[in-house]
Protein backbone atom coordinates (compact mmCIF):
# COMPACT_ATOMS: atom_id res chain seq x y z
CA MET A 1 -12.50 -20.95 37.66
CA ILE A 2 -15.34 -20.86 34.86
CA ILE A 3 -14.93 -18.20 32.18
CA ALA A 4 -18.27 -17.15 30.77
CA PRO A 5 -18.89 -16.96 27.18
CA ALA A 6 -18.10 -13.49 25.09
CA ARG A 7 -20.93 -11.91 24.42
CA HIS A 8 -22.34 -10.44 21.26
CA THR A 9 -22.50 -7.08 20.35
CA SER A 10 -23.70 -7.51 16.78
CA TRP A 11 -27.00 -8.29 15.47
CA ALA A 12 -25.68 -10.46 12.66
CA PRO A 13 -25.98 -13.87 15.10
CA ALA A 14 -29.43 -12.84 16.33
CA LEU A 15 -30.48 -12.22 12.82
CA ARG A 16 -28.89 -15.91 11.75
CA ALA A 17 -30.73 -17.27 15.09
CA SER A 18 -33.91 -15.53 13.60
CA SER A 19 -33.66 -17.46 10.34
CA GLY A 20 -32.81 -20.59 12.08
CA LEU A 21 -35.59 -20.20 14.28
CA ALA A 22 -38.07 -19.63 11.28
CA ALA A 23 -37.35 -23.17 9.86
CA ALA A 24 -37.30 -24.97 12.68
CA MET A 25 -40.30 -23.74 14.59
CA GLY A 26 -42.15 -21.77 11.84
CA ILE A 27 -41.91 -24.27 9.20
CA GLY A 28 -40.39 -27.55 11.01
CA ARG A 29 -42.90 -27.35 13.58
CA PHE A 30 -46.18 -25.66 12.51
CA ALA A 31 -45.97 -26.56 8.76
CA PHE A 32 -48.24 -29.53 9.63
CA THR A 33 -50.86 -27.38 10.92
CA PRO A 34 -52.01 -25.49 7.83
CA LEU A 35 -51.11 -28.77 5.60
CA LEU A 36 -53.56 -31.07 7.51
CA PRO A 37 -56.73 -30.02 6.69
CA VAL A 38 -55.33 -30.81 3.09
CA MET A 39 -54.13 -34.11 4.07
CA ILE A 40 -57.67 -34.44 5.68
CA ASP A 41 -59.22 -33.33 2.64
CA ALA A 42 -57.55 -35.85 0.30
CA GLY A 43 -58.04 -39.03 2.78
CA ARG A 44 -54.33 -39.17 3.80
CA LEU A 45 -55.52 -38.41 7.75
CA SER A 46 -58.41 -38.13 10.22
CA ALA A 47 -58.72 -35.60 12.87
CA HIS A 48 -58.02 -38.12 15.47
CA THR A 49 -55.33 -39.19 13.40
CA GLY A 50 -53.83 -36.14 12.74
CA ALA A 51 -53.71 -35.65 16.42
CA ILE A 52 -51.47 -39.02 17.18
CA VAL A 53 -48.83 -37.74 14.79
CA ALA A 54 -49.10 -34.18 16.13
CA ALA A 55 -48.48 -35.75 19.49
CA ALA A 56 -45.43 -37.62 17.92
CA ASN A 57 -43.89 -34.45 16.98
CA TYR A 58 -44.68 -32.92 20.14
CA ALA A 59 -43.34 -35.96 21.85
CA GLY A 60 -40.02 -35.46 19.68
CA TYR A 61 -39.64 -31.69 20.80
CA LEU A 62 -40.08 -33.34 24.44
CA LEU A 63 -37.02 -36.19 24.07
CA GLY A 64 -34.69 -33.31 22.62
CA ALA A 65 -35.22 -30.66 25.02
CA VAL A 66 -34.65 -33.14 27.96
CA ALA A 67 -31.60 -34.43 25.97
CA ALA A 68 -30.42 -30.98 25.72
CA ALA A 69 -31.15 -30.28 29.41
CA ARG A 70 -29.13 -33.99 30.43
CA PHE A 71 -26.35 -33.48 28.00
CA PRO A 72 -25.65 -29.99 27.40
CA HIS A 73 -21.88 -30.20 26.40
CA HIS A 74 -23.24 -32.35 23.02
CA GLN A 75 -25.13 -29.44 22.29
CA GLY A 76 -22.59 -27.89 20.07
CA ARG A 77 -22.10 -27.23 16.56
CA THR A 78 -22.15 -31.03 15.12
CA ALA A 79 -25.13 -31.55 16.77
CA PHE A 80 -27.29 -28.08 15.30
CA ARG A 81 -26.19 -28.94 11.89
CA VAL A 82 -27.09 -32.92 12.05
CA ALA A 83 -30.32 -31.24 13.80
CA GLY A 84 -30.80 -29.09 10.79
CA ALA A 85 -30.21 -32.01 8.06
CA ALA A 86 -32.40 -34.07 10.27
CA LEU A 87 -35.78 -31.78 9.79
CA ILE A 88 -35.04 -31.16 6.37
CA LEU A 89 -35.38 -35.18 5.42
CA SER A 90 -37.90 -35.43 8.18
CA GLU A 91 -40.31 -32.89 6.23
CA ALA A 92 -39.43 -34.64 2.60
CA GLY A 93 -40.39 -38.01 4.12
CA MET A 94 -43.76 -36.81 4.68
CA ALA A 95 -44.29 -36.81 1.16
CA VAL A 96 -44.47 -40.73 1.09
CA PRO A 97 -47.84 -41.97 1.12
CA ALA A 98 -46.96 -44.40 3.94
CA PRO A 99 -48.97 -46.29 6.71
CA THR A 100 -49.48 -44.09 9.66
CA PRO A 101 -46.46 -45.33 11.73
CA LEU A 102 -43.90 -43.45 9.04
CA PRO A 103 -45.35 -40.05 9.53
CA VAL A 104 -45.41 -40.91 13.21
CA ALA A 105 -41.81 -41.40 13.44
CA LEU A 106 -40.73 -38.41 10.87
CA ARG A 107 -42.58 -36.38 13.20
CA LEU A 108 -40.97 -37.72 16.07
CA ILE A 109 -37.68 -36.76 14.23
CA ALA A 110 -38.71 -33.11 13.46
CA GLY A 111 -39.45 -32.45 16.91
CA ILE A 112 -36.25 -33.81 18.35
CA ALA A 113 -34.70 -31.85 15.70
CA SER A 114 -36.90 -28.44 16.34
CA ALA A 115 -35.59 -28.73 19.78
CA VAL A 116 -31.92 -28.66 19.11
CA LEU A 117 -32.13 -25.91 17.00
CA PHE A 118 -34.67 -23.96 19.25
CA ILE A 119 -32.24 -24.10 22.29
CA GLY A 120 -28.76 -23.63 19.71
CA CYS A 121 -30.61 -20.46 18.96
CA ALA A 122 -32.09 -19.27 22.07
CA GLN A 123 -28.42 -19.74 23.29
CA ILE A 124 -27.26 -17.18 20.19
CA ALA A 125 -30.00 -14.60 22.16
CA ALA A 126 -28.72 -14.93 25.69
CA ARG A 127 -25.17 -14.59 24.79
CA HIS A 128 -25.62 -11.17 23.34
CA GLU A 129 -24.87 -7.69 25.24
CA ASN A 130 -28.66 -6.56 24.65
CA ARG A 131 -30.01 -10.05 25.92
CA ARG A 132 -34.16 -8.67 25.81
CA ARG A 133 -33.52 -7.27 21.70
CA ALA A 134 -31.33 -10.17 20.61
CA ALA A 135 -34.50 -12.50 21.70
CA GLY A 136 -36.71 -10.28 20.68
CA ILE A 137 -35.37 -10.56 17.01
CA ALA A 138 -34.36 -14.16 17.17
CA PHE A 139 -37.45 -15.44 18.24
CA ALA A 140 -39.70 -12.85 15.59
CA GLY A 141 -37.92 -15.72 13.26
CA VAL A 142 -40.92 -18.08 14.46
CA GLY A 143 -43.60 -15.78 13.11
CA THR A 144 -41.78 -15.09 9.60
CA GLY A 145 -41.25 -18.99 9.06
CA ILE A 146 -45.26 -19.36 9.90
CA ALA A 147 -46.52 -16.41 8.00
CA ALA A 148 -43.98 -17.93 4.88
CA THR A 149 -45.72 -21.60 5.08
CA GLY A 150 -49.21 -20.35 5.39
CA ALA A 151 -48.52 -18.39 2.03
CA LEU A 152 -47.01 -21.14 0.28
CA ILE A 153 -50.12 -23.39 1.13
CA LEU A 154 -52.39 -20.52 0.49
CA ILE A 155 -50.80 -19.92 -3.24
CA ALA A 156 -50.44 -23.56 -4.36
CA GLN A 157 -52.48 -25.62 -2.50
CA SER A 158 -55.01 -25.24 -5.72
CA VAL A 159 -52.03 -26.62 -8.02
CA LEU A 160 -49.61 -28.97 -5.95
CA SER A 161 -50.91 -32.05 -4.11
CA TRP A 162 -50.48 -32.80 -0.21
CA GLN A 163 -47.23 -34.46 -1.15
CA ALA A 164 -45.78 -31.66 -3.18
CA LEU A 165 -46.72 -29.23 -0.68
CA TRP A 166 -44.38 -31.32 1.83
CA LEU A 167 -41.39 -31.07 -0.51
CA ALA A 168 -41.80 -27.52 -0.99
CA SER A 169 -42.03 -26.96 2.94
CA ALA A 170 -38.52 -28.98 2.95
CA ALA A 171 -36.93 -26.73 0.25
CA LEU A 172 -37.94 -23.68 2.36
CA THR A 173 -36.83 -24.73 5.33
CA ALA A 174 -33.52 -25.71 3.57
CA LEU A 175 -33.15 -22.33 2.82
CA LEU A 176 -33.49 -20.77 5.83
CA VAL A 177 -31.81 -23.11 8.08
CA ILE A 178 -28.68 -22.43 5.98
CA PRO A 179 -27.63 -18.78 7.24
CA ALA A 180 -27.74 -20.78 10.74
CA LEU A 181 -25.65 -23.40 10.25
CA SER A 182 -22.50 -20.77 10.57
CA LEU A 183 -23.81 -19.83 13.85
CA ASP A 184 -21.16 -20.13 16.87
CA ILE A 185 -23.51 -22.99 18.89
CA ARG A 186 -21.53 -24.19 21.99
CA GLY A 187 -21.68 -27.32 24.29
CA GLY A 188 -21.98 -26.29 28.14
CA ALA A 189 -20.85 -28.24 31.51
CA ARG A 190 -23.60 -30.26 32.73
CA THR A 191 -26.18 -28.37 34.95
CA GLY A 192 -27.41 -31.09 37.54
CA SER A 193 -27.98 -28.34 40.22
CA ALA A 194 -28.70 -24.64 40.27
CA THR A 195 -28.97 -22.09 42.82
CA VAL A 196 -32.32 -20.16 42.04
CA ARG A 197 -33.29 -17.25 44.03
CA SER A 198 -36.79 -18.86 44.69
CA ARG A 199 -38.20 -22.72 45.19
CA ARG A 200 -41.77 -21.61 45.06
CA ASN A 201 -41.12 -19.31 42.02
CA TRP A 202 -39.19 -21.57 40.22
CA ARG A 203 -41.67 -24.58 40.63
CA LEU A 204 -44.72 -22.29 39.88
CA LEU A 205 -42.63 -20.74 36.87
CA GLN A 206 -42.28 -24.55 35.34
CA LEU A 207 -46.32 -25.16 36.14
CA THR A 208 -46.87 -21.82 34.31
CA TYR A 209 -44.61 -22.75 31.11
CA PHE A 210 -45.73 -26.45 31.49
CA ALA A 211 -50.05 -25.30 30.96
CA GLU A 212 -48.77 -23.07 28.38
CA GLY A 213 -47.34 -25.92 26.31
CA LEU A 214 -50.64 -27.93 27.11
CA GLY A 215 -52.79 -25.43 26.62
CA TYR A 216 -51.61 -23.32 23.46
CA ILE A 217 -50.98 -26.62 21.34
CA VAL A 218 -54.30 -26.95 21.16
CA LEU A 219 -54.94 -23.56 18.68
CA GLY A 220 -51.59 -24.25 17.32
CA THR A 221 -52.58 -27.55 15.78
CA PHE A 222 -56.41 -27.41 15.35
CA LEU A 223 -57.07 -23.76 14.79
CA VAL A 224 -56.96 -24.10 11.01
CA ALA A 225 -58.52 -27.25 10.68
CA ALA A 226 -61.47 -25.87 12.86
CA VAL A 227 -62.33 -23.02 10.09
CA ASP A 228 -62.04 -25.27 7.41
CA ALA A 229 -64.51 -27.79 8.77
CA THR A 230 -67.03 -24.67 9.25
CA GLY A 231 -66.46 -24.71 4.85
CA HIS A 232 -64.07 -21.49 4.93
CA ARG A 233 -61.06 -23.54 3.47
CA THR A 234 -58.88 -20.55 1.67
CA ALA A 235 -60.02 -18.63 4.82
CA GLY A 236 -58.26 -21.43 7.20
CA THR A 237 -55.21 -21.18 5.34
CA ALA A 238 -55.17 -17.24 5.61
CA ILE A 239 -55.95 -17.31 9.31
CA TRP A 240 -52.55 -19.25 9.60
CA ILE A 241 -51.10 -16.45 7.94
CA VAL A 242 -52.92 -14.13 10.14
CA VAL A 243 -51.03 -16.07 13.12
CA GLY A 244 -47.76 -15.59 11.73
CA LEU A 245 -48.13 -11.92 10.80
CA ALA A 246 -48.87 -11.00 14.53
CA ALA A 247 -46.10 -13.56 15.75
CA ALA A 248 -43.41 -11.77 13.60
CA PRO A 249 -42.99 -8.71 15.76
CA ALA A 250 -44.66 -10.08 18.98
CA THR A 251 -41.39 -10.91 20.76
CA VAL A 252 -39.98 -7.21 19.91
CA LEU A 253 -43.20 -5.48 21.76
CA TRP A 254 -43.55 -7.79 24.27
CA GLY A 255 -39.81 -7.42 25.25
CA ALA A 256 -40.74 -3.56 25.42
CA THR A 257 -43.57 -4.39 27.42
CA ALA A 258 -41.51 -6.29 29.94
CA ARG A 259 -39.32 -3.12 29.92
CA ARG A 260 -41.83 -0.97 31.57
CA ILE A 261 -44.46 -3.65 33.56
CA GLY A 262 -41.59 -6.38 34.49
CA PRO A 263 -41.64 -9.24 32.65
CA SER A 264 -43.63 -11.66 34.98
CA VAL A 265 -46.56 -8.97 35.07
CA ALA A 266 -46.40 -8.93 31.17
CA LEU A 267 -46.19 -12.70 31.33
CA VAL A 268 -49.80 -13.04 33.20
CA CYS A 269 -51.29 -10.45 30.61
CA ALA A 270 -50.01 -12.52 27.87
CA LEU A 271 -51.21 -15.62 29.26
CA ILE A 272 -54.99 -14.15 29.29
CA LEU A 273 -55.18 -12.78 26.13
CA GLN A 274 -53.85 -15.99 24.80
CA CYS A 275 -56.77 -17.30 27.01
CA ALA A 276 -59.00 -14.90 25.22
CA SER A 277 -58.17 -16.10 21.62
CA ALA A 278 -58.65 -19.86 22.76
CA LEU A 279 -62.56 -18.95 23.70
CA LEU A 280 -63.43 -16.39 21.05
CA PRO A 281 -64.16 -19.17 18.12
CA THR A 282 -66.62 -21.29 20.63
CA LEU A 283 -68.28 -18.34 21.87
CA TRP A 284 -68.75 -16.12 18.44
CA PRO A 285 -68.66 -19.04 15.76
CA GLY A 286 -67.80 -17.43 12.18
CA VAL A 287 -64.66 -16.16 10.11
CA TRP A 288 -63.90 -12.98 12.04
CA PRO A 289 -63.72 -13.68 15.54
CA ALA A 290 -61.48 -16.56 14.26
CA VAL A 291 -59.41 -13.96 12.37
CA VAL A 292 -59.10 -12.40 15.74
CA SER A 293 -58.83 -15.43 17.79
CA ALA A 294 -55.45 -16.13 15.31
CA ALA A 295 -54.20 -12.32 15.68
CA LEU A 296 -54.24 -12.56 19.88
CA PHE A 297 -52.93 -16.48 19.00
CA GLY A 298 -50.15 -15.09 17.18
CA ALA A 299 -49.24 -12.26 19.25
CA THR A 300 -48.58 -14.07 22.53
CA PHE A 301 -47.50 -17.83 22.04
CA MET A 302 -43.85 -17.09 21.19
CA GLY A 303 -43.99 -13.60 23.46
CA ILE A 304 -44.88 -15.63 26.42
CA THR A 305 -41.75 -17.89 25.33
CA LEU A 306 -39.42 -14.80 25.40
CA LEU A 307 -40.91 -14.06 29.01
CA ALA A 308 -40.83 -17.15 30.25
CA LEU A 309 -37.22 -17.70 29.21
CA GLU A 310 -35.81 -14.39 30.43
CA ILE A 311 -37.14 -15.16 34.49
CA GLY A 312 -36.16 -18.28 33.88
CA ASP A 313 -33.00 -16.79 33.31
CA ASP A 314 -32.99 -14.48 36.11
CA LEU A 315 -33.93 -17.39 38.43
CA ALA A 316 -31.63 -19.84 37.56
CA GLY A 317 -29.00 -18.96 35.19
CA PRO A 318 -28.78 -20.01 31.40
CA GLY A 319 -29.30 -23.94 31.91
CA ALA A 320 -33.40 -22.88 32.79
CA ALA A 321 -33.83 -22.85 28.93
CA ALA A 322 -33.46 -26.54 28.35
CA THR A 323 -35.26 -27.35 31.79
CA LEU A 324 -38.40 -24.93 30.84
CA THR A 325 -38.41 -26.35 27.43
CA ALA A 326 -38.45 -29.89 28.74
CA GLY A 327 -41.60 -29.00 30.70
CA TYR A 328 -43.17 -26.80 27.71
CA GLY A 329 -42.44 -30.02 25.51
CA LEU A 330 -44.23 -32.55 27.92
CA GLY A 331 -47.49 -29.91 27.90
CA GLN A 332 -47.13 -30.20 24.01
CA MET A 333 -47.38 -33.77 23.52
CA LEU A 334 -50.21 -34.13 25.84
CA GLY A 335 -52.24 -31.70 24.75
CA PRO A 336 -53.43 -33.15 21.74
CA LEU A 337 -54.16 -36.78 23.05
CA VAL A 338 -56.20 -34.55 25.99
CA VAL A 339 -58.46 -33.28 23.62
CA ALA A 340 -58.66 -35.76 20.59
CA PRO A 341 -61.39 -37.72 22.67
CA VAL A 342 -63.62 -34.95 22.25
CA LEU A 343 -62.78 -33.93 18.83
CA GLY A 344 -65.20 -34.27 15.72
CA ASP A 345 -67.34 -31.98 13.40
CA SER A 346 -66.85 -29.32 16.20
CA TYR A 347 -63.39 -28.05 18.24
CA ASP A 348 -65.06 -26.51 20.46
CA ALA A 349 -64.61 -28.77 23.77
CA ALA A 350 -60.89 -28.76 22.45
CA PHE A 351 -60.85 -24.98 22.65
CA THR A 352 -62.46 -24.66 25.91
CA ILE A 353 -60.13 -27.57 27.68
CA ALA A 354 -57.12 -25.14 26.01
CA ALA A 355 -58.85 -22.40 27.94
CA VAL A 356 -58.94 -23.71 31.01
CA VAL A 357 -55.76 -24.43 31.13
CA LEU A 358 -54.63 -21.44 30.14
CA VAL A 359 -56.72 -19.93 33.22
CA VAL A 360 -54.30 -22.26 35.26
CA ALA A 361 -51.03 -21.20 33.47
CA ALA A 362 -52.41 -16.96 34.30
CA GLY A 363 -52.92 -18.28 37.96
CA ALA A 364 -49.38 -19.63 38.30
CA ALA A 365 -47.82 -16.99 36.54
CA LEU A 366 -49.96 -14.56 38.81
CA ALA A 367 -48.12 -15.97 42.03
CA ILE A 368 -44.75 -15.25 40.55
CA VAL A 369 -45.08 -11.34 40.38
CA PRO A 370 -44.03 -10.74 43.98
CA TRP A 371 -40.61 -12.09 42.82
CA ARG A 372 -39.89 -8.80 41.15
CA ARG A 373 -38.64 -7.39 44.56
CA HIS A 374 -35.55 -9.43 44.71
CA ARG A 375 -35.00 -7.21 41.76
CA ALA A 376 -35.96 -3.76 43.36
CA GLY A 377 -33.83 -5.01 46.56
CA GLY A 378 -37.06 -5.16 48.60
CA PRO A 379 -37.98 -7.03 51.76
CA ALA A 380 -37.62 -10.06 49.40
CA ALA A 381 -34.20 -9.93 48.60
CA ALA A 382 -33.13 -10.73 51.38
CA GLU A 383 -34.12 -14.58 50.82
CA PRO A 384 -31.39 -16.77 50.89
CA PRO A 385 -30.35 -18.78 47.46
CA VAL A 386 -32.03 -22.38 47.30
CA PRO A 387 -30.41 -25.01 45.26
CA VAL A 388 -32.73 -27.16 43.10
CA ARG A 389 -32.34 -30.09 41.26
CA ARG A 390 -32.85 -30.11 37.92
CA THR A 391 -33.39 -32.46 34.98
């Protein structure tokens, strides 16, 4: 007999998870985005080398997600705390002016740690009595962390070196991750197979989330550098703050939207808006189109995560989060590598590739929409469950 874990009723765990995600994702994952142009200006990295370093971080995220999917019984409090310490130390280590293999290794470690922290915090939200609102609160931390990092770099980049900025980011990560370390993170049983409502919909969701990882990360990595390349350095960093400010309330708003139109339809809408955010800087050069692009990007990327994980949980249970995150991580790892050959003085080609990939994601998500009939008890509700092997 399997006893389901008790569900939370207090909002305190969701708030602590939000702080953990601000550290793990908002800073640990995305601090490199506003710091990349600073490091390029200092001669520390080139745009091409920056893409390789970014890809190492996403490869680490993939490794962490795959490990969580295959060995969920190790995903407990000890692993969570070790990941928090590793994330802080890896950021501090980025201040060492060593050859390229060191930042590649450090960002790989940071990626693994981010995945462990993300899945642990997502688990806390999933165990709440009001799952959707708890997830909205927890995932809002990502935008808060992004805005905090952008503000730190905007204010301090004129007086601090790139090394000092990395040390300051590590200190901010430590401050935010501490409240999350008391969370009741529990390892689970191995979920080698699962019974899902529809093999077709499960595969479409996996394709959608993989393509989202591949497409969104191009903007997430190079949006600030693209604005900086036009000669508006301060505007580039300020735009990253716009991303964070738009992302902070986005998960709560997308959760409310999902209650009205269903998570599958909301997912399609979010992907279309994100596609528009990729195309805007290529169609209308300048700072203000980039600001709108940043707002749309911030307003959608964590909302898409919220919606995809909710659909996955309904299709295949709590173990779906780790499996989906692994596919997402693979897409993120490939994204910078796919566009690296076209990077140069302009990022238009890279953003166009991202937009095409996001169109594919939206098309796959659109095909998931009929799944809502399962929940409504319509004709598709009679389809028998299908056992599906998961990673």
